[in-house]
Amino acid sequence: MASITSLQPQALSRLQACPHTSSLVPATSSSFATFSASSRYLSPSLRLNQGVISQSESVSCQHQGLEKKFIAFADFEKASWKPITSNHRKGLIARASDPGIVRAVATSVKEDVKVIAPDAELGTDNKHGDDEERVGVLLLNLGGPDTLEDVQPFLYNLFADPDIIRLPRLFRFLQRPLAQFISTLRAPKSAEGYAAIGGGSPLRQMTDEQAAALKAALESKNLPAKVYVGMRYWHPFTEEAINQIKEDGISRLVVLPLYPQFSISTSGSSLRLLESIFREDEYLVNMQHTVIPSWYNRNGYVQSMATLIEKELTKFEKPDEVHIFFSAHGVPVAYVEEAGDPYKAEMEECVQLIMAAVKARDIRCPHTLAYQSRVGPVEWLKPYTDDTIRELGKSGVKSLLAVPVSFVSEHIETLEEIDMEYRELALESGIRNWGRVPALGCEPGFIADLADAIIEALPYVGAMAVSNLEARQSLVPLGSVEQLLATYDTLRRELPAPVAMWEWGWTKSAETWNGRAAMLAVLTLLVLEVTTGEGVLHQWGILPLFH
């Protein structure tokens, strides 16, 4: 493919006046940095002060008494410009790191260049971009049963996901029967938990409320956008949200998983499903989009968490004696050590950032991070929440403030597992005073920060766009998953926050681990039933089929 090369002065053509001023005053020619990039990838990490230094004309815009300098781009070679466009795309956006060059925006309209002021918001209507552009935000979440009758089908959807139960290729025909079997067995016990919190999960209602609050926050920041909710395992399913996005004619989409920290088992599974949907749809292939895979380190999120902790501490008789207990959803150790899941590293850094914000408020409480919700015989991330609560009780801790750090909405793991099971365990372990920080929900500072994250992501929407054939290979076409996971920790702080430009998903090692674990469980069950002559397979009349 052709590449974008340094733009020489003679390549500049007709200039349109800055939309925020009535005149355009040419500036004296001087040295500015231009850039070179492959037309396959136009990375936001490229800066205008990288690449080839050449003489280019510049322009100055007088706006509100302040002079701003811009680099003017024009007259792109057709062969160079076309590969990085899509049917909806009409411009190239680049941020300048040089203090003297705030932002350069070039819009390809034949041979014209449109220079836009640095304080102009980008993204939607006349104030933000092209009249035809419609901005959408897709919030991804797990989903949960709305009623007790929904519990079994919800569990079926969960266990039918190959990312939850991975069978070897030879046995994949058992995926759905196995999901039906496990969901039927677990539904009664799971339904008891949902009954204890009101008869269903509040996750959908809270996520809808967050979507409405986010839409209002974006509008208050002069960015009209539609916000959609796509659940992984229950209504509204991701497919339903995508259908609505298409009906609404959205041309620019920001995908935001509602998980602060990235994990291949949460955001990864949702993005993998989204990938499969994008591959098969011509409209989606051509739609500009980007993904914000994690946002645990954003200041607004961190400060909002610190505010909630500070507020809950005031409810204790002796706040200085309270132990702050962060409880995160666990994942198998193999996800981290074999598959390269960044979840553990992001979680630990997240807790450090929150505690730094708490200490900045002159609060000096000790803290602990532990992991909850483990299942099965395999090793999960440690320390475990239940074991840690017992140890804290033995060590003399009398006041404990639980902080659910993986969740931004209330659901069964906060309302039942933490509020009921762990609270009871804490009291049994000698802890007398118990408190729990609520999920962020629609906390204003948190919602405002998510809105800022989306606005910051918009200049990068479509910046990774490639040809239709290449776009079918990946939601965000950059390298292999294995390479990205290997470089994640070393490059994360160098990448422009909050937008990351890669596909996340399962590595081969993770697939192998899941296949082994699932088959080991099936084989163990078969051996036990054959040797004992009793068990659920006998009761269900399944085991005789193997004889």
Protein backbone atom coordinates (compact mmCIF):
# COMPACT_ATOMS: atom_id res chain seq x y z
CA MET A 1 0.00 0.00 0.00
CA ALA A 2 1.00 3.56 -0.51
CA SER A 3 1.91 5.57 2.55
CA ILE A 4 1.29 9.09 3.70
CA THR A 5 4.50 11.00 3.12
CA SER A 6 5.78 14.36 4.29
CA LEU A 7 3.70 17.14 2.83
CA GLN A 8 5.78 19.75 1.02
CA PRO A 9 4.70 23.40 0.68
CA GLN A 10 3.81 22.93 -2.97
CA ALA A 11 1.26 20.31 -1.97
CA LEU A 12 -0.82 22.94 -0.17
CA SER A 13 -3.86 24.15 -2.06
CA ARG A 14 -6.82 26.40 -1.44
CA LEU A 15 -7.38 27.20 2.22
CA GLN A 16 -10.77 27.83 3.73
CA ALA A 17 -11.15 30.34 6.50
CA CYS A 18 -11.22 29.12 10.06
CA PRO A 19 -14.90 28.70 11.03
CA HIS A 20 -14.37 30.76 14.18
CA THR A 21 -12.94 33.84 12.47
CA SER A 22 -13.81 35.98 9.48
CA SER A 23 -10.29 36.10 8.11
CA LEU A 24 -7.34 33.83 7.69
CA VAL A 25 -3.95 35.48 8.15
CA PRO A 26 -1.01 33.62 6.55
CA ALA A 27 1.92 33.20 8.86
CA THR A 28 5.58 33.28 7.99
CA SER A 29 6.85 29.93 6.70
CA SER A 30 8.76 28.04 9.33
CA SER A 31 9.86 24.53 10.16
CA PHE A 32 7.16 22.27 11.43
CA ALA A 33 7.17 18.55 11.93
CA THR A 34 5.08 16.45 9.60
CA PHE A 35 4.62 12.73 9.79
CA SER A 36 4.83 9.52 7.85
CA ALA A 37 2.59 6.56 8.57
CA SER A 38 1.44 3.39 6.94
CA SER A 39 -1.93 3.84 5.28
CA ARG A 40 -3.02 0.64 6.96
CA TYR A 41 -2.64 2.06 10.45
CA LEU A 42 -2.95 5.69 11.40
CA SER A 43 -2.10 5.46 15.08
CA PRO A 44 -3.11 8.18 17.56
CA SER A 45 0.28 7.62 19.16
CA LEU A 46 1.91 9.35 16.17
CA ARG A 47 2.62 12.98 16.88
CA LEU A 48 3.20 15.84 14.52
CA ASN A 49 6.66 16.34 15.98
CA GLN A 50 7.69 12.84 14.93
CA GLY A 51 8.85 11.76 11.49
CA VAL A 52 10.37 13.95 8.82
CA ILE A 53 11.04 17.63 9.49
CA SER A 54 10.25 19.70 6.45
CA GLN A 55 9.29 23.22 5.45
CA SER A 56 5.50 23.57 5.41
CA GLU A 57 3.24 26.57 5.22
CA SER A 58 1.37 27.37 8.38
CA VAL A 59 -1.64 29.48 9.09
CA SER A 60 -2.69 31.50 12.10
CA CYS A 61 -6.24 31.91 13.29
CA GLN A 62 -7.27 34.92 15.31
CA HIS A 63 -9.89 33.66 17.77
CA GLN A 64 -10.96 35.49 20.89
CA GLY A 65 -7.75 37.49 20.81
CA LEU A 66 -5.52 34.39 20.88
CA GLU A 67 -3.30 33.43 18.00
CA LYS A 68 -3.20 29.69 17.28
CA LYS A 69 -0.89 28.02 14.80
CA PHE A 70 -1.85 25.07 12.67
CA ILE A 71 -0.25 22.83 10.12
CA ALA A 72 -2.26 22.82 6.92
CA PHE A 73 -2.62 19.53 5.07
CA ALA A 74 -3.86 19.38 1.50
CA ASP A 75 -3.80 17.68 -1.86
CA PHE A 76 -3.35 14.12 -0.65
CA GLU A 77 -2.40 11.61 -3.28
CA LYS A 78 -5.55 9.69 -4.10
CA ALA A 79 -3.75 6.38 -3.71
CA SER A 80 -2.52 7.43 -0.28
CA TRP A 81 -5.79 8.85 0.97
CA LYS A 82 -8.32 6.26 -0.15
CA PRO A 83 -6.97 3.22 1.77
CA ILE A 84 -7.46 4.94 5.12
CA THR A 85 -11.00 6.09 4.44
CA SER A 86 -14.35 4.39 4.67
CA ASN A 87 -17.71 5.22 3.13
CA HIS A 88 -18.55 7.55 6.01
CA ARG A 89 -15.17 9.05 6.66
CA LYS A 90 -14.35 12.52 5.38
CA GLY A 91 -11.42 13.69 7.41
CA LEU A 92 -8.10 13.06 9.05
CA ILE A 93 -7.62 14.16 12.66
CA ALA A 94 -4.26 14.50 14.37
CA ARG A 95 -3.21 15.99 17.68
CA ALA A 96 -0.03 18.00 17.98
CA SER A 97 2.22 17.56 20.99
CA ASP A 98 4.25 20.66 20.12
CA PRO A 99 2.85 23.46 22.35
CA GLY A 100 2.94 25.81 19.38
CA ILE A 101 0.70 23.57 17.32
CA VAL A 102 -2.46 22.79 19.22
CA ARG A 103 -4.43 20.70 16.75
CA ALA A 104 -4.53 20.14 13.05
CA VAL A 105 -7.60 18.88 11.29
CA ALA A 106 -7.70 18.23 7.57
CA THR A 107 -10.92 17.43 5.77
CA SER A 108 -10.59 15.97 2.31
CA VAL A 109 -13.05 17.74 0.03
CA LYS A 110 -11.53 17.32 -3.39
CA GLU A 111 -8.39 19.47 -3.06
CA ASP A 112 -9.55 21.79 -0.30
CA VAL A 113 -8.32 21.94 3.24
CA LYS A 114 -10.52 22.97 6.13
CA VAL A 115 -8.65 24.37 9.12
CA ILE A 116 -10.57 24.14 12.40
CA ALA A 117 -9.80 26.04 15.60
CA PRO A 118 -8.23 24.05 18.45
CA ASP A 119 -11.11 24.71 20.82
CA ALA A 120 -13.69 23.44 18.35
CA GLU A 121 -15.36 20.30 19.65
CA LEU A 122 -15.25 17.43 17.18
CA GLY A 123 -17.77 14.72 16.61
CA THR A 124 -21.38 15.41 15.76
CA ASP A 125 -23.34 18.35 14.36
CA ASN A 126 -22.17 21.63 12.83
CA LYS A 127 -20.28 22.44 15.99
CA HIS A 128 -18.50 19.12 16.01
CA GLY A 129 -18.07 17.95 12.45
CA ASP A 130 -19.97 16.91 9.34
CA ASP A 131 -23.74 17.31 9.25
CA GLU A 132 -24.21 13.69 8.18
CA GLU A 133 -22.24 12.20 11.05
CA ARG A 134 -24.18 10.56 13.85
CA VAL A 135 -22.27 9.65 16.98
CA GLY A 136 -23.16 6.63 19.08
CA VAL A 137 -21.82 5.15 22.30
CA LEU A 138 -22.20 1.43 22.99
CA LEU A 139 -22.02 0.42 26.65
CA LEU A 140 -21.17 -3.25 27.17
CA ASN A 141 -22.08 -5.17 30.30
CA LEU A 142 -22.69 -8.70 31.55
CA GLY A 143 -26.46 -8.70 31.90
CA GLY A 144 -28.62 -10.41 34.49
CA PRO A 145 -32.03 -12.09 34.83
CA ASP A 146 -34.89 -9.65 35.28
CA THR A 147 -37.11 -12.21 37.05
CA LEU A 148 -36.70 -15.58 38.74
CA GLU A 149 -38.09 -17.24 35.60
CA ASP A 150 -35.18 -15.76 33.66
CA VAL A 151 -32.49 -17.35 35.84
CA GLN A 152 -32.21 -20.68 34.03
CA PRO A 153 -32.12 -19.25 30.47
CA PHE A 154 -29.67 -16.59 31.64
CA LEU A 155 -27.38 -19.29 33.04
CA TYR A 156 -27.77 -21.26 29.82
CA ASN A 157 -26.55 -18.28 27.79
CA LEU A 158 -23.64 -17.92 30.20
CA PHE A 159 -22.50 -21.54 29.99
CA ALA A 160 -23.16 -21.81 26.25
CA ASP A 161 -20.47 -19.16 25.73
CA PRO A 162 -17.31 -20.97 24.57
CA ASP A 163 -15.30 -18.39 26.54
CA ILE A 164 -16.88 -19.70 29.75
CA ILE A 165 -16.80 -23.44 29.03
CA ARG A 166 -14.29 -24.30 26.33
CA LEU A 167 -14.45 -27.83 24.95
CA PRO A 168 -11.92 -29.45 22.60
CA ARG A 169 -12.99 -29.41 18.96
CA LEU A 170 -13.95 -33.10 19.05
CA PHE A 171 -16.47 -32.48 21.85
CA ARG A 172 -17.87 -29.09 20.85
CA PHE A 173 -21.14 -30.69 19.79
CA LEU A 174 -21.71 -31.11 23.56
CA GLN A 175 -21.50 -27.34 24.22
CA ARG A 176 -25.23 -26.66 24.24
CA PRO A 177 -26.30 -29.91 25.92
CA LEU A 178 -23.69 -29.31 28.62
CA ALA A 179 -24.89 -25.71 29.05
CA GLN A 180 -28.46 -26.96 29.41
CA PHE A 181 -27.37 -29.57 31.95
CA ILE A 182 -25.32 -27.19 34.13
CA SER A 183 -27.85 -24.34 33.98
CA THR A 184 -30.67 -26.68 35.00
CA LEU A 185 -28.67 -27.95 37.97
CA ARG A 186 -27.57 -24.51 39.16
CA ALA A 187 -30.79 -22.58 38.52
CA PRO A 188 -32.56 -23.43 41.82
CA LYS A 189 -29.60 -22.39 43.97
CA SER A 190 -28.94 -19.30 41.89
CA ALA A 191 -32.63 -18.36 42.02
CA GLU A 192 -32.43 -18.36 45.82
CA GLY A 193 -29.77 -15.67 45.61
CA TYR A 194 -31.81 -13.53 43.22
CA ALA A 195 -34.91 -14.01 45.38
CA ALA A 196 -32.94 -12.65 48.34
CA ILE A 197 -32.24 -9.39 46.48
CA GLY A 198 -35.78 -8.81 45.25
CA GLY A 199 -36.47 -11.45 42.62
CA GLY A 200 -34.09 -10.39 39.85
CA SER A 201 -30.97 -8.47 38.96
CA PRO A 202 -31.09 -4.66 39.08
CA LEU A 203 -28.22 -4.51 36.57
CA ARG A 204 -30.31 -3.68 33.52
CA GLN A 205 -32.22 -0.86 35.21
CA MET A 206 -29.03 0.65 36.64
CA THR A 207 -27.20 0.37 33.31
CA ASP A 208 -30.12 2.05 31.54
CA GLU A 209 -29.97 4.85 34.12
CA GLN A 210 -26.22 5.20 33.53
CA ALA A 211 -26.82 5.37 29.77
CA ALA A 212 -29.40 8.14 30.22
CA ALA A 213 -27.11 10.06 32.58
CA LEU A 214 -24.19 9.68 30.16
CA LYS A 215 -26.30 10.96 27.26
CA ALA A 216 -27.26 14.02 29.31
CA ALA A 217 -23.63 14.60 30.31
CA LEU A 218 -22.50 14.45 26.68
CA GLU A 219 -25.21 16.90 25.64
CA SER A 220 -24.12 19.27 28.41
CA LYS A 221 -20.65 19.15 26.84
CA ASN A 222 -22.08 20.06 23.41
CA LEU A 223 -21.88 16.53 22.06
CA PRO A 224 -25.29 15.17 21.06
CA ALA A 225 -24.96 11.40 20.92
CA LYS A 226 -27.11 8.31 21.27
CA VAL A 227 -26.12 5.87 23.99
CA TYR A 228 -26.90 2.17 23.63
CA VAL A 229 -26.70 -0.74 26.07
CA GLY A 230 -25.56 -4.18 24.93
CA MET A 231 -25.59 -7.06 27.42
CA ARG A 232 -23.58 -10.23 26.92
CA TYR A 233 -25.94 -12.83 28.37
CA TRP A 234 -29.40 -11.23 28.70
CA HIS A 235 -31.64 -8.56 27.24
CA PRO A 236 -30.92 -6.19 25.69
CA PHE A 237 -28.36 -8.42 23.96
CA THR A 238 -25.42 -6.89 22.11
CA GLU A 239 -27.04 -7.97 18.84
CA GLU A 240 -30.17 -5.98 19.74
CA ALA A 241 -28.10 -2.87 20.42
CA ILE A 242 -26.24 -3.25 17.13
CA ASN A 243 -29.51 -3.55 15.19
CA GLN A 244 -30.72 -0.32 16.78
CA ILE A 245 -27.40 1.38 15.98
CA LYS A 246 -27.84 0.44 12.33
CA GLU A 247 -31.47 1.60 12.27
CA ASP A 248 -30.41 4.96 13.70
CA GLY A 249 -27.76 5.39 11.01
CA ILE A 250 -24.86 5.81 13.41
CA SER A 251 -21.64 6.51 11.51
CA ARG A 252 -19.19 7.02 14.40
CA LEU A 253 -19.21 4.65 17.36
CA VAL A 254 -17.30 4.58 20.65
CA VAL A 255 -17.42 1.19 22.39
CA LEU A 256 -17.16 1.42 26.17
CA PRO A 257 -17.21 -1.76 28.31
CA LEU A 258 -18.55 -0.91 31.78
CA TYR A 259 -15.69 -2.75 33.46
CA PRO A 260 -13.05 -0.37 34.86
CA GLN A 261 -10.30 -2.99 34.51
CA PHE A 262 -9.87 -5.15 31.43
CA SER A 263 -10.13 -8.93 31.63
CA ILE A 264 -10.39 -11.50 28.87
CA SER A 265 -13.35 -12.99 30.74
CA THR A 266 -15.40 -9.76 30.88
CA SER A 267 -14.55 -7.02 28.37
CA GLY A 268 -12.68 -9.58 26.27
CA SER A 269 -15.70 -11.84 25.88
CA SER A 270 -17.98 -8.92 24.99
CA LEU A 271 -15.51 -7.55 22.45
CA ARG A 272 -15.01 -10.97 20.92
CA LEU A 273 -18.75 -11.24 20.33
CA LEU A 274 -18.75 -7.73 18.87
CA GLU A 275 -15.95 -8.77 16.53
CA SER A 276 -17.96 -11.65 15.16
CA ILE A 277 -20.92 -9.34 14.55
CA PHE A 278 -18.74 -6.76 12.77
CA ARG A 279 -17.14 -9.35 10.49
CA GLU A 280 -20.44 -10.38 8.96
CA ASP A 281 -22.00 -6.98 8.37
CA GLU A 282 -21.00 -4.64 5.55
CA TYR A 283 -22.48 -1.59 7.30
CA LEU A 284 -20.46 -2.26 10.45
CA VAL A 285 -17.30 -2.94 8.48
CA ASN A 286 -17.52 0.55 7.04
CA MET A 287 -18.54 2.29 10.26
CA GLN A 288 -15.89 4.29 12.08
CA HIS A 289 -15.36 2.99 15.58
CA THR A 290 -12.92 2.71 18.44
CA VAL A 291 -12.81 0.90 21.78
CA ILE A 292 -11.94 2.15 25.26
CA PRO A 293 -10.89 -1.20 26.78
CA SER A 294 -10.26 0.02 30.34
CA TRP A 295 -10.45 3.28 32.26
CA TYR A 296 -9.56 2.40 35.88
CA ASN A 297 -6.78 5.00 35.93
CA ARG A 298 -8.87 8.00 34.90
CA ASN A 299 -8.81 10.72 37.52
CA GLY A 300 -12.57 11.20 37.57
CA TYR A 301 -13.19 7.54 38.32
CA VAL A 302 -10.46 7.42 40.97
CA GLN A 303 -11.67 10.58 42.71
CA SER A 304 -15.28 9.39 42.64
CA MET A 305 -14.27 6.14 44.34
CA ALA A 306 -12.29 8.08 46.94
CA THR A 307 -15.29 10.32 47.61
CA LEU A 308 -17.57 7.34 48.23
CA ILE A 309 -15.02 5.78 50.59
CA GLU A 310 -14.62 9.03 52.50
CA LYS A 311 -18.39 9.36 52.85
CA GLU A 312 -18.86 5.81 54.17
CA LEU A 313 -16.02 6.18 56.67
CA THR A 314 -17.91 9.00 58.39
CA LYS A 315 -20.64 6.50 59.32
CA PHE A 316 -18.26 4.61 61.62
CA GLU A 317 -17.90 5.68 65.25
CA LYS A 318 -14.10 5.57 64.92
CA PRO A 319 -13.23 6.15 61.24
CA ASP A 320 -9.47 6.04 61.90
CA GLU A 321 -9.74 2.41 63.05
CA VAL A 322 -11.55 1.17 59.95
CA HIS A 323 -9.81 -1.30 57.64
CA ILE A 324 -10.62 -0.58 53.96
CA PHE A 325 -11.27 -3.89 52.23
CA PHE A 326 -11.25 -3.91 48.42
CA SER A 327 -13.03 -6.97 47.04
CA ALA A 328 -12.55 -7.63 43.32
CA HIS A 329 -14.06 -10.31 41.15
CA GLY A 330 -11.52 -13.08 40.75
CA VAL A 331 -10.24 -14.88 37.66
CA PRO A 332 -8.26 -18.14 37.37
CA VAL A 333 -4.52 -17.66 37.82
CA ALA A 334 -4.01 -19.28 34.42
CA TYR A 335 -5.71 -16.32 32.75
CA VAL A 336 -2.93 -14.07 34.02
CA GLU A 337 0.08 -16.38 33.94
CA GLU A 338 -0.70 -18.26 30.71
CA ALA A 339 -3.02 -16.01 28.74
CA GLY A 340 -1.43 -12.69 29.68
CA ASP A 341 -4.62 -11.18 31.09
CA PRO A 342 -3.73 -7.67 32.40
CA TYR A 343 -6.56 -7.79 34.95
CA LYS A 344 -4.44 -8.42 38.05
CA ALA A 345 -1.93 -5.67 37.21
CA GLU A 346 -4.70 -3.19 36.41
CA MET A 347 -6.59 -4.06 39.58
CA GLU A 348 -3.55 -3.60 41.80
CA GLU A 349 -2.71 -0.27 40.17
CA CYS A 350 -6.34 0.81 40.46
CA VAL A 351 -6.37 0.18 44.22
CA GLN A 352 -3.08 2.05 44.60
CA LEU A 353 -4.50 5.07 42.76
CA ILE A 354 -7.68 5.09 44.83
CA MET A 355 -5.77 4.81 48.10
CA ALA A 356 -3.45 7.62 47.03
CA ALA A 357 -6.53 9.80 46.48
CA VAL A 358 -7.93 8.72 49.86
CA LYS A 359 -4.67 9.54 51.65
CA ALA A 360 -4.60 12.93 49.94
CA ARG A 361 -7.76 13.66 51.95
CA ASP A 362 -5.84 13.07 55.17
CA ILE A 363 -7.25 9.56 55.68
CA ARG A 364 -4.72 7.01 56.93
CA CYS A 365 -6.70 3.77 57.13
CA PRO A 366 -4.97 0.48 56.24
CA HIS A 367 -6.28 -1.41 53.23
CA THR A 368 -6.34 -4.89 51.70
CA LEU A 369 -7.19 -6.22 48.23
CA ALA A 370 -8.75 -9.67 47.87
CA TYR A 371 -10.63 -11.59 45.15
CA GLN A 372 -14.13 -13.05 45.39
CA SER A 373 -16.48 -15.36 43.46
CA ARG A 374 -14.09 -18.22 42.75
CA VAL A 375 -15.61 -21.49 41.57
CA GLY A 376 -14.23 -24.96 40.93
CA PRO A 377 -11.07 -26.69 42.10
CA VAL A 378 -8.55 -24.64 40.10
CA GLU A 379 -6.48 -21.85 41.64
CA TRP A 380 -7.86 -18.33 41.31
CA LEU A 381 -6.22 -15.01 42.07
CA LYS A 382 -5.30 -14.73 45.74
CA PRO A 383 -5.86 -13.75 48.45
CA TYR A 384 -9.44 -15.00 48.49
CA THR A 385 -12.04 -12.68 50.00
CA ASP A 386 -13.50 -15.21 52.44
CA ASP A 387 -10.08 -16.35 53.69
CA THR A 388 -8.93 -12.75 54.08
CA ILE A 389 -11.99 -11.77 56.12
CA ARG A 390 -11.30 -14.63 58.53
CA GLU A 391 -7.63 -13.61 58.82
CA LEU A 392 -8.52 -9.96 59.45
CA GLY A 393 -10.91 -11.04 62.19
CA LYS A 394 -8.22 -13.17 63.82
CA SER A 395 -5.76 -10.27 63.65
CA GLY A 396 -8.07 -8.08 65.73
CA VAL A 397 -9.75 -5.92 63.08
CA LYS A 398 -13.08 -4.73 64.47
CA SER A 399 -14.29 -2.34 61.76
CA LEU A 400 -14.31 -3.24 58.07
CA LEU A 401 -15.40 -1.18 55.06
CA ALA A 402 -15.95 -3.32 51.96
CA VAL A 403 -15.27 -1.68 48.59
CA PRO A 404 -16.52 -3.55 45.47
CA VAL A 405 -13.88 -2.34 43.05
CA SER A 406 -14.77 -4.41 39.96
CA PHE A 407 -18.33 -3.17 39.67
CA VAL A 408 -19.98 0.14 38.76
CA SER A 409 -23.55 -1.14 39.25
CA GLU A 410 -25.27 -3.07 41.99
CA HIS A 411 -25.99 -6.71 41.19
CA ILE A 412 -26.00 -10.12 42.84
CA GLU A 413 -22.29 -10.10 43.70
CA THR A 414 -22.64 -6.87 45.67
CA LEU A 415 -26.16 -7.22 47.06
CA GLU A 416 -26.04 -10.93 47.95
CA GLU A 417 -22.45 -12.14 48.02
CA ILE A 418 -20.91 -9.10 49.74
CA ASP A 419 -23.85 -7.64 51.67
CA MET A 420 -25.11 -10.98 52.97
CA GLU A 421 -22.56 -13.78 52.76
CA TYR A 422 -19.39 -11.79 53.50
CA ARG A 423 -21.07 -9.58 56.07
CA GLU A 424 -22.22 -12.68 57.97
CA LEU A 425 -18.74 -14.19 57.68
CA ALA A 426 -17.18 -10.97 59.02
CA LEU A 427 -19.45 -10.95 62.07
CA GLU A 428 -18.67 -14.63 62.70
CA SER A 429 -14.95 -13.80 62.48
CA GLY A 430 -15.13 -11.18 65.25
CA ILE A 431 -15.53 -8.06 63.13
CA ARG A 432 -18.15 -5.97 64.91
CA ASN A 433 -18.64 -3.01 62.59
CA TRP A 434 -19.38 -3.58 58.92
CA GLY A 435 -19.86 -1.08 56.11
CA ARG A 436 -19.96 -1.25 52.34
CA VAL A 437 -19.25 1.40 49.72
CA PRO A 438 -22.08 1.51 47.15
CA ALA A 439 -21.41 0.97 43.47
CA LEU A 440 -20.76 4.17 41.55
CA GLY A 441 -24.03 4.01 39.65
CA CYS A 442 -24.85 7.51 38.37
CA GLU A 443 -22.49 9.41 40.66
CA PRO A 444 -22.10 12.77 38.85
CA GLY A 445 -18.30 12.92 38.86
CA PHE A 446 -18.06 9.39 37.51
CA ILE A 447 -20.57 9.98 34.71
CA ALA A 448 -18.90 13.27 33.77
CA ASP A 449 -15.55 11.49 33.54
CA LEU A 450 -16.97 8.79 31.26
CA ALA A 451 -18.34 11.57 29.06
CA ASP A 452 -14.88 13.14 28.92
CA ALA A 453 -13.37 9.77 28.00
CA ILE A 454 -15.78 9.46 25.08
CA ILE A 455 -15.09 13.00 23.87
CA GLU A 456 -11.35 12.36 24.08
CA ALA A 457 -11.82 9.17 22.07
CA LEU A 458 -13.76 10.78 19.22
CA PRO A 459 -10.74 12.19 17.34
CA TYR A 460 -9.47 8.61 17.09
CA VAL A 461 -12.73 7.12 15.85
CA GLY A 462 -12.01 5.73 12.41
CA ALA A 463 -8.32 6.57 12.66
CA MET A 464 -7.61 2.84 12.56
CA ALA A 465 -9.94 2.19 9.63
CA VAL A 466 -8.57 -0.03 6.87
CA SER A 467 -9.91 -1.68 3.76
CA ASN A 468 -13.06 -3.76 4.09
CA LEU A 469 -11.14 -7.00 3.71
CA GLU A 470 -8.76 -6.14 6.54
CA ALA A 471 -11.54 -4.79 8.77
CA ARG A 472 -13.24 -8.17 8.63
CA GLN A 473 -10.29 -9.74 10.41
CA SER A 474 -10.58 -7.75 13.62
CA LEU A 475 -12.72 -5.20 15.40
CA VAL A 476 -9.63 -3.03 15.84
CA PRO A 477 -7.04 -4.21 13.33
CA LEU A 478 -3.67 -4.23 15.02
CA GLY A 479 -1.38 -7.24 15.26
CA SER A 480 -2.07 -10.52 16.97
CA VAL A 481 -3.50 -10.89 20.43
CA GLU A 482 -0.39 -12.69 21.65
CA GLN A 483 1.90 -9.84 20.59
CA LEU A 484 -0.35 -7.20 22.10
CA LEU A 485 -0.65 -8.97 25.42
CA ALA A 486 3.11 -9.41 25.55
CA THR A 487 3.72 -5.70 25.02
CA TYR A 488 0.77 -4.41 27.03
CA ASP A 489 2.50 -3.79 30.35
CA THR A 490 5.59 -2.21 28.80
CA LEU A 491 3.74 0.08 26.41
CA ARG A 492 0.57 0.95 28.33
CA ARG A 493 1.98 4.11 29.92
CA GLU A 494 3.34 5.27 26.58
CA LEU A 495 0.04 4.98 24.75
CA PRO A 496 -2.30 7.97 24.58
CA ALA A 497 -4.92 7.47 27.30
CA PRO A 498 -7.69 6.51 27.35
CA VAL A 499 -7.92 5.04 23.86
CA ALA A 500 -6.18 1.80 23.03
CA MET A 501 -6.06 0.48 19.51
CA TRP A 502 -6.05 -3.28 19.69
CA GLU A 503 -8.18 -6.37 19.69
CA TRP A 504 -8.49 -8.25 22.96
CA GLY A 505 -9.53 -11.85 23.26
CA TRP A 506 -8.43 -15.33 24.12
CA THR A 507 -4.94 -16.59 23.39
CA LYS A 508 -4.26 -20.15 22.36
CA SER A 509 -2.98 -20.94 25.81
CA ALA A 510 -6.23 -19.76 27.38
CA GLU A 511 -8.27 -21.86 24.98
CA THR A 512 -6.13 -24.87 25.82
CA TRP A 513 -6.54 -24.24 29.53
CA ASN A 514 -10.31 -23.97 29.24
CA GLY A 515 -10.54 -27.12 27.17
CA ARG A 516 -8.46 -29.07 29.67
CA ALA A 517 -10.41 -27.74 32.63
CA ALA A 518 -13.81 -28.54 31.10
CA MET A 519 -12.80 -32.02 30.00
CA LEU A 520 -11.13 -32.75 33.34
CA ALA A 521 -14.38 -31.85 35.09
CA VAL A 522 -16.43 -34.08 32.78
CA LEU A 523 -14.02 -37.01 33.09
CA THR A 524 -13.84 -36.65 36.88
CA LEU A 525 -17.62 -36.71 37.10
CA LEU A 526 -17.81 -39.80 34.90
CA VAL A 527 -15.14 -41.66 36.90
CA LEU A 528 -16.83 -40.87 40.22
CA GLU A 529 -20.22 -42.02 39.01
CA VAL A 530 -18.88 -45.20 37.46
CA THR A 531 -16.97 -46.13 40.63
CA THR A 532 -19.73 -45.19 43.10
CA GLY A 533 -22.72 -46.24 41.05
CA GLU A 534 -24.67 -43.13 41.97
CA GLY A 535 -24.85 -39.43 41.24
CA VAL A 536 -26.64 -36.86 39.11
CA LEU A 537 -25.85 -38.58 35.82
CA HIS A 538 -27.49 -41.75 37.10
CA GLN A 539 -30.46 -39.79 38.38
CA TRP A 540 -30.88 -38.06 35.03
CA GLY A 541 -30.53 -41.35 33.14
CA ILE A 542 -27.53 -40.07 31.21
CA LEU A 543 -24.77 -42.41 32.36
CA PRO A 544 -26.32 -45.59 30.88
CA LEU A 545 -25.86 -43.97 27.46
CA PHE A 546 -22.09 -44.31 27.93
CA HIS A 547 -22.29 -48.04 28.75
